[in-house]
Amino acid sequence: MGRKDIRLASDDEKERIYEQIEALYLQEKPVTVLEHKSGFPAVTVDCEDIHILTDCLSIEQWRAKKKSQQGGEK
């Protein structure tokens, strides 16, 4: 399995990938997030054909941004 390292990718690129993963998750596809052997904050995320190495901090920032946007739409 090839794992794409997106730790140094732009925020926009990370968000695009996180959105793809979320769309699969909403289709009830399993998502696995594990701490990477290099240590915190690196994590691996696997969902269907998406296999990435990223940082959990950017995932948390994306999630907080998404939550605040959803709150503003109500």
PDB file of N, CA and C in Angstrom:
ATOM      1  N   MET A   1       0.853  -1.175   0.000  1.00  0.00           N
ATOM      2  CA  MET A   1       0.000   0.000   0.000  1.00  0.00           C
ATOM      3  C   MET A   1       0.897   1.235   0.000  1.00  0.00           C
ATOM      4  N   GLY A   2       0.643   2.134  -0.935  1.00  0.00           N
ATOM      5  CA  GLY A   2       1.365   3.389  -0.963  1.00  0.00           C
ATOM      6  C   GLY A   2       0.642   4.417  -0.111  1.00  0.00           C
ATOM      7  N   ARG A   3       1.375   5.076   0.738  1.00  0.00           N
ATOM      8  CA  ARG A   3       0.785   6.079   1.626  1.00  0.00           C
ATOM      9  C   ARG A   3       1.302   7.449   1.186  1.00  0.00           C
ATOM     10  N   LYS A   4       0.393   8.379   0.939  1.00  0.00           N
ATOM     11  CA  LYS A   4       0.765   9.723   0.511  1.00  0.00           C
ATOM     12  C   LYS A   4       1.015  10.586   1.748  1.00  0.00           C
ATOM     13  N   ASP A   5       2.190  11.193   1.817  1.00  0.00           N
ATOM     14  CA  ASP A   5       2.547  12.071   2.927  1.00  0.00           C
ATOM     15  C   ASP A   5       2.073  13.484   2.592  1.00  0.00           C
ATOM     16  N   ILE A   6       1.051  13.952   3.334  1.00  0.00           N
ATOM     17  CA  ILE A   6       0.510  15.293   3.064  1.00  0.00           C
ATOM     18  C   ILE A   6       0.829  16.280   4.185  1.00  0.00           C
ATOM     19  N   ARG A   7       1.759  15.920   5.056  1.00  0.00           N
ATOM     20  CA  ARG A   7       2.061  16.806   6.193  1.00  0.00           C
ATOM     21  C   ARG A   7       2.519  18.184   5.749  1.00  0.00           C
ATOM     22  N   LEU A   8       3.199  18.280   4.625  1.00  0.00           N
ATOM     23  CA  LEU A   8       3.684  19.576   4.155  1.00  0.00           C
ATOM     24  C   LEU A   8       2.806  20.177   3.060  1.00  0.00           C
ATOM     25  N   ALA A   9       1.699  19.538   2.774  1.00  0.00           N
ATOM     26  CA  ALA A   9       0.762  20.048   1.749  1.00  0.00           C
ATOM     27  C   ALA A   9       0.090  21.322   2.253  1.00  0.00           C
ATOM     28  N   SER A  10      -0.470  22.069   1.331  1.00  0.00           N
ATOM     29  CA  SER A  10      -1.182  23.297   1.693  1.00  0.00           C
ATOM     30  C   SER A  10      -2.453  22.932   2.468  1.00  0.00           C
ATOM     31  N   ASP A  11      -2.964  23.887   3.207  1.00  0.00           N
ATOM     32  CA  ASP A  11      -4.214  23.678   3.936  1.00  0.00           C
ATOM     33  C   ASP A  11      -5.342  23.311   2.976  1.00  0.00           C
ATOM     34  N   ASP A  12      -5.373  23.950   1.813  1.00  0.00           N
ATOM     35  CA  ASP A  12      -6.416  23.666   0.819  1.00  0.00           C
ATOM     36  C   ASP A  12      -6.350  22.218   0.345  1.00  0.00           C
ATOM     37  N   GLU A  13      -5.150  21.723   0.087  1.00  0.00           N
ATOM     38  CA  GLU A  13      -4.987  20.334  -0.355  1.00  0.00           C
ATOM     39  C   GLU A  13      -5.417  19.365   0.753  1.00  0.00           C
ATOM     40  N   LYS A  14      -5.005  19.633   1.976  1.00  0.00           N
ATOM     41  CA  LYS A  14      -5.404  18.782   3.103  1.00  0.00           C
ATOM     42  C   LYS A  14      -6.923  18.773   3.248  1.00  0.00           C
ATOM     43  N   GLU A  15      -7.532  19.946   3.181  1.00  0.00           N
ATOM     44  CA  GLU A  15      -8.984  20.036   3.328  1.00  0.00           C
ATOM     45  C   GLU A  15      -9.702  19.259   2.236  1.00  0.00           C
ATOM     46  N   ARG A  16      -9.187  19.298   1.022  1.00  0.00           N
ATOM     47  CA  ARG A  16      -9.793  18.558  -0.093  1.00  0.00           C
ATOM     48  C   ARG A  16      -9.770  17.054   0.207  1.00  0.00           C
ATOM     49  N   ILE A  17      -8.661  16.576   0.714  1.00  0.00           N
ATOM     50  CA  ILE A  17      -8.537  15.148   1.039  1.00  0.00           C
ATOM     51  C   ILE A  17      -9.414  14.790   2.229  1.00  0.00           C
ATOM     52  N   TYR A  18      -9.439  15.644   3.255  1.00  0.00           N
ATOM     53  CA  TYR A  18     -10.292  15.376   4.421  1.00  0.00           C
ATOM     54  C   TYR A  18     -11.768  15.340   4.025  1.00  0.00           C
ATOM     55  N   GLU A  19     -12.158  16.198   3.084  1.00  0.00           N
ATOM     56  CA  GLU A  19     -13.537  16.205   2.594  1.00  0.00           C
ATOM     57  C   GLU A  19     -13.870  14.889   1.878  1.00  0.00           C
ATOM     58  N   GLN A  20     -12.916  14.377   1.102  1.00  0.00           N
ATOM     59  CA  GLN A  20     -13.119  13.097   0.423  1.00  0.00           C
ATOM     60  C   GLN A  20     -13.318  11.977   1.442  1.00  0.00           C
ATOM     61  N   ILE A  21     -12.498  11.985   2.477  1.00  0.00           N
ATOM     62  CA  ILE A  21     -12.605  10.963   3.518  1.00  0.00           C
ATOM     63  C   ILE A  21     -13.939  11.090   4.238  1.00  0.00           C
ATOM     64  N   GLU A  22     -14.348  12.311   4.561  1.00  0.00           N
ATOM     65  CA  GLU A  22     -15.618  12.504   5.246  1.00  0.00           C
ATOM     66  C   GLU A  22     -16.794  12.009   4.389  1.00  0.00           C
ATOM     67  N   ALA A  23     -16.735  12.266   3.093  1.00  0.00           N
ATOM     68  CA  ALA A  23     -17.806  11.809   2.203  1.00  0.00           C
ATOM     69  C   ALA A  23     -17.914  10.285   2.231  1.00  0.00           C
ATOM     70  N   LEU A  24     -16.794   9.603   2.253  1.00  0.00           N
ATOM     71  CA  LEU A  24     -16.803   8.143   2.341  1.00  0.00           C
ATOM     72  C   LEU A  24     -17.321   7.687   3.702  1.00  0.00           C
ATOM     73  N   TYR A  25     -16.907   8.384   4.750  1.00  0.00           N
ATOM     74  CA  TYR A  25     -17.368   8.066   6.102  1.00  0.00           C
ATOM     75  C   TYR A  25     -18.894   8.190   6.196  1.00  0.00           C
ATOM     76  N   LEU A  26     -19.440   9.217   5.580  1.00  0.00           N
ATOM     77  CA  LEU A  26     -20.890   9.420   5.592  1.00  0.00           C
ATOM     78  C   LEU A  26     -21.629   8.333   4.797  1.00  0.00           C
ATOM     79  N   GLN A  27     -20.894   7.636   3.944  1.00  0.00           N
ATOM     80  CA  GLN A  27     -21.439   6.483   3.219  1.00  0.00           C
ATOM     81  C   GLN A  27     -21.193   5.195   4.009  1.00  0.00           C
ATOM     82  N   GLU A  28     -20.788   5.367   5.261  1.00  0.00           N
ATOM     83  CA  GLU A  28     -20.531   4.270   6.196  1.00  0.00           C
ATOM     84  C   GLU A  28     -19.337   3.410   5.810  1.00  0.00           C
ATOM     85  N   LYS A  29     -18.374   4.014   5.121  1.00  0.00           N
ATOM     86  CA  LYS A  29     -17.116   3.328   4.828  1.00  0.00           C
ATOM     87  C   LYS A  29     -16.221   3.460   6.059  1.00  0.00           C
ATOM     88  N   PRO A  30     -15.514   2.392   6.426  1.00  0.00           N
ATOM     89  CA  PRO A  30     -14.665   2.471   7.618  1.00  0.00           C
ATOM     90  C   PRO A  30     -13.463   3.396   7.419  1.00  0.00           C
ATOM     91  N   VAL A  31     -13.140   4.132   8.472  1.00  0.00           N
ATOM     92  CA  VAL A  31     -11.986   5.022   8.494  1.00  0.00           C
ATOM     93  C   VAL A  31     -11.119   4.610   9.672  1.00  0.00           C
ATOM     94  N   THR A  32      -9.834   4.422   9.419  1.00  0.00           N
ATOM     95  CA  THR A  32      -8.896   4.066  10.469  1.00  0.00           C
ATOM     96  C   THR A  32      -7.875   5.188  10.629  1.00  0.00           C
ATOM     97  N   VAL A  33      -7.728   5.658  11.863  1.00  0.00           N
ATOM     98  CA  VAL A  33      -6.735   6.687  12.179  1.00  0.00           C
ATOM     99  C   VAL A  33      -5.842   6.120  13.275  1.00  0.00           C
ATOM    100  N   LEU A  34      -4.545   6.052  12.986  1.00  0.00           N
ATOM    101  CA  LEU A  34      -3.591   5.504  13.950  1.00  0.00           C
ATOM    102  C   LEU A  34      -2.392   6.431  14.088  1.00  0.00           C
ATOM    103  N   GLU A  35      -1.829   6.469  15.283  1.00  0.00           N
ATOM    104  CA  GLU A  35      -0.602   7.240  15.480  1.00  0.00           C
ATOM    105  C   GLU A  35       0.497   6.609  14.644  1.00  0.00           C
ATOM    106  N   HIS A  36       1.250   7.444  13.944  1.00  0.00           N
ATOM    107  CA  HIS A  36       2.338   6.963  13.106  1.00  0.00           C
ATOM    108  C   HIS A  36       3.535   6.624  13.979  1.00  0.00           C
ATOM    109  N   LYS A  37       4.345   5.697  13.536  1.00  0.00           N
ATOM    110  CA  LYS A  37       5.502   5.260  14.325  1.00  0.00           C
ATOM    111  C   LYS A  37       6.492   6.389  14.598  1.00  0.00           C
ATOM    112  N   SER A  38       6.444   7.461  13.801  1.00  0.00           N
ATOM    113  CA  SER A  38       7.334   8.595  14.043  1.00  0.00           C
ATOM    114  C   SER A  38       6.889   9.405  15.249  1.00  0.00           C
ATOM    115  N   GLY A  39       5.668   9.184  15.706  1.00  0.00           N
ATOM    116  CA  GLY A  39       5.182   9.841  16.915  1.00  0.00           C
ATOM    117  C   GLY A  39       4.259  11.012  16.655  1.00  0.00           C
ATOM    118  N   PHE A  40       3.714  11.520  17.761  1.00  0.00           N
ATOM    119  CA  PHE A  40       2.771  12.627  17.731  1.00  0.00           C
ATOM    120  C   PHE A  40       3.415  13.834  17.085  1.00  0.00           C
ATOM    121  N   PRO A  41       2.718  14.577  16.257  1.00  0.00           N
ATOM    122  CA  PRO A  41       1.300  14.512  15.925  1.00  0.00           C
ATOM    123  C   PRO A  41       1.009  13.763  14.634  1.00  0.00           C
ATOM    124  N   ALA A  42       1.973  12.972  14.131  1.00  0.00           N
ATOM    125  CA  ALA A  42       1.765  12.265  12.865  1.00  0.00           C
ATOM    126  C   ALA A  42       0.789  11.104  13.040  1.00  0.00           C
ATOM    127  N   VAL A  43      -0.155  11.010  12.101  1.00  0.00           N
ATOM    128  CA  VAL A  43      -1.133   9.924  12.099  1.00  0.00           C
ATOM    129  C   VAL A  43      -1.286   9.390  10.683  1.00  0.00           C
ATOM    130  N   THR A  44      -1.674   8.123  10.612  1.00  0.00           N
ATOM    131  CA  THR A  44      -2.036   7.545   9.323  1.00  0.00           C
ATOM    132  C   THR A  44      -3.555   7.482   9.267  1.00  0.00           C
ATOM    133  N   VAL A  45      -4.091   7.733   8.092  1.00  0.00           N
ATOM    134  CA  VAL A  45      -5.538   7.665   7.884  1.00  0.00           C
ATOM    135  C   VAL A  45      -5.766   6.783   6.663  1.00  0.00           C
ATOM    136  N   ASP A  46      -6.635   5.794   6.843  1.00  0.00           N
ATOM    137  CA  ASP A  46      -6.964   4.877   5.760  1.00  0.00           C
ATOM    138  C   ASP A  46      -8.474   4.800   5.600  1.00  0.00           C
ATOM    139  N   CYS A  47      -8.929   4.965   4.366  1.00  0.00           N
ATOM    140  CA  CYS A  47     -10.353   4.851   4.048  1.00  0.00           C
ATOM    141  C   CYS A  47     -10.470   4.515   2.564  1.00  0.00           C
ATOM    142  N   GLU A  48     -10.989   3.311   2.284  1.00  0.00           N
ATOM    143  CA  GLU A  48     -11.111   2.854   0.897  1.00  0.00           C
ATOM    144  C   GLU A  48      -9.743   2.942   0.211  1.00  0.00           C
ATOM    145  N   ASP A  49      -9.639   3.711  -0.884  1.00  0.00           N
ATOM    146  CA  ASP A  49      -8.382   3.824  -1.625  1.00  0.00           C
ATOM    147  C   ASP A  49      -7.525   4.999  -1.163  1.00  0.00           C
ATOM    148  N   ILE A  50      -7.921   5.666  -0.091  1.00  0.00           N
ATOM    149  CA  ILE A  50      -7.161   6.810   0.425  1.00  0.00           C
ATOM    150  C   ILE A  50      -6.301   6.328   1.587  1.00  0.00           C
ATOM    151  N   HIS A  51      -4.993   6.528   1.458  1.00  0.00           N
ATOM    152  CA  HIS A  51      -4.033   6.135   2.491  1.00  0.00           C
ATOM    153  C   HIS A  51      -3.055   7.297   2.636  1.00  0.00           C
ATOM    154  N   ILE A  52      -3.190   8.032   3.756  1.00  0.00           N
ATOM    155  CA  ILE A  52      -2.360   9.228   3.922  1.00  0.00           C
ATOM    156  C   ILE A  52      -1.615   9.221   5.252  1.00  0.00           C
ATOM    157  N   LEU A  53      -0.548   9.988   5.260  1.00  0.00           N
ATOM    158  CA  LEU A  53       0.182  10.327   6.471  1.00  0.00           C
ATOM    159  C   LEU A  53      -0.008  11.822   6.642  1.00  0.00           C
ATOM    160  N   THR A  54      -0.560  12.221   7.765  1.00  0.00           N
ATOM    161  CA  THR A  54      -0.848  13.630   8.006  1.00  0.00           C
ATOM    162  C   THR A  54      -0.606  13.932   9.480  1.00  0.00           C
ATOM    163  N   ASP A  55      -0.979  15.108   9.894  1.00  0.00           N
ATOM    164  CA  ASP A  55      -0.855  15.469  11.311  1.00  0.00           C
ATOM    165  C   ASP A  55      -2.253  15.648  11.896  1.00  0.00           C
ATOM    166  N   CYS A  56      -2.429  15.177  13.107  1.00  0.00           N
ATOM    167  CA  CYS A  56      -3.754  15.255  13.733  1.00  0.00           C
ATOM    168  C   CYS A  56      -4.155  16.700  14.023  1.00  0.00           C
ATOM    169  N   LEU A  57      -3.179  17.595  14.142  1.00  0.00           N
ATOM    170  CA  LEU A  57      -3.502  18.995  14.425  1.00  0.00           C
ATOM    171  C   LEU A  57      -4.263  19.629  13.260  1.00  0.00           C
ATOM    172  N   SER A  58      -3.852  19.317  12.018  1.00  0.00           N
ATOM    173  CA  SER A  58      -4.561  19.891  10.872  1.00  0.00           C
ATOM    174  C   SER A  58      -5.954  19.283  10.731  1.00  0.00           C
ATOM    175  N   ILE A  59      -6.110  18.019  11.126  1.00  0.00           N
ATOM    176  CA  ILE A  59      -7.443  17.401  11.097  1.00  0.00           C
ATOM    177  C   ILE A  59      -8.345  18.112  12.102  1.00  0.00           C
ATOM    178  N   GLU A  60      -7.816  18.376  13.289  1.00  0.00           N
ATOM    179  CA  GLU A  60      -8.597  19.066  14.319  1.00  0.00           C
ATOM    180  C   GLU A  60      -8.965  20.476  13.877  1.00  0.00           C
ATOM    181  N   GLN A  61      -8.039  21.181  13.234  1.00  0.00           N
ATOM    182  CA  GLN A  61      -8.323  22.532  12.744  1.00  0.00           C
ATOM    183  C   GLN A  61      -9.398  22.497  11.662  1.00  0.00           C
ATOM    184  N   TRP A  62      -9.296  21.539  10.739  1.00  0.00           N
ATOM    185  CA  TRP A  62     -10.300  21.402   9.683  1.00  0.00           C
ATOM    186  C   TRP A  62     -11.666  21.109  10.292  1.00  0.00           C
ATOM    187  N   ARG A  63     -11.705  20.208  11.263  1.00  0.00           N
ATOM    188  CA  ARG A  63     -12.971  19.837  11.898  1.00  0.00           C
ATOM    189  C   ARG A  63     -13.595  21.043  12.608  1.00  0.00           C
ATOM    190  N   ALA A  64     -12.786  21.821  13.342  1.00  0.00           N
ATOM    191  CA  ALA A  64     -13.292  23.007  14.046  1.00  0.00           C
ATOM    192  C   ALA A  64     -13.825  24.033  13.050  1.00  0.00           C
ATOM    193  N   LYS A  65     -13.107  24.232  11.946  1.00  0.00           N
ATOM    194  CA  LYS A  65     -13.548  25.175  10.910  1.00  0.00           C
ATOM    195  C   LYS A  65     -14.874  24.717  10.311  1.00  0.00           C
ATOM    196  N   LYS A  66     -14.969  23.431  10.011  1.00  0.00           N
ATOM    197  CA  LYS A  66     -16.191  22.877   9.427  1.00  0.00           C
ATOM    198  C   LYS A  66     -17.359  23.011  10.396  1.00  0.00           C
ATOM    199  N   LYS A  67     -17.111  22.742  11.667  1.00  0.00           N
ATOM    200  CA  LYS A  67     -18.162  22.839  12.678  1.00  0.00           C
ATOM    201  C   LYS A  67     -18.657  24.281  12.808  1.00  0.00           C
ATOM    202  N   SER A  68     -17.728  25.232  12.792  1.00  0.00           N
ATOM    203  CA  SER A  68     -18.139  26.638  12.918  1.00  0.00           C
ATOM    204  C   SER A  68     -18.910  27.100  11.684  1.00  0.00           C
ATOM    205  N   GLN A  69     -18.553  26.600  10.511  1.00  0.00           N
ATOM    206  CA  GLN A  69     -19.285  26.939   9.285  1.00  0.00           C
ATOM    207  C   GLN A  69     -20.690  26.344   9.308  1.00  0.00           C
ATOM    208  N   GLN A  70     -20.814  25.134   9.809  1.00  0.00           N
ATOM    209  CA  GLN A  70     -22.115  24.494   9.887  1.00  0.00           C
ATOM    210  C   GLN A  70     -23.002  25.209  10.888  1.00  0.00           C
ATOM    211  N   GLY A  71     -22.406  25.692  11.979  1.00  0.00           N
ATOM    212  CA  GLY A  71     -23.177  26.421  12.991  1.00  0.00           C
ATOM    213  C   GLY A  71     -23.706  27.733  12.446  1.00  0.00           C
ATOM    214  N   GLY A  72     -22.940  28.360  11.545  1.00  0.00           N
ATOM    215  CA  GLY A  72     -23.348  29.622  10.958  1.00  0.00           C
ATOM    216  C   GLY A  72     -24.447  29.470   9.928  1.00  0.00           C
ATOM    217  N   GLU A  73     -24.621  28.247   9.403  1.00  0.00           N
ATOM    218  CA  GLU A  73     -25.640  28.018   8.377  1.00  0.00           C
ATOM    219  C   GLU A  73     -27.004  27.792   8.977  1.00  0.00           C
ATOM    220  N   LYS A  74     -27.083  27.467  10.253  1.00  0.00           N
ATOM    221  CA  LYS A  74     -28.373  27.153  10.892  1.00  0.00           C
ATOM    222  C   LYS A  74     -29.169  28.390  11.178  1.00  0.00           C
TER     223      LYS A  74
END
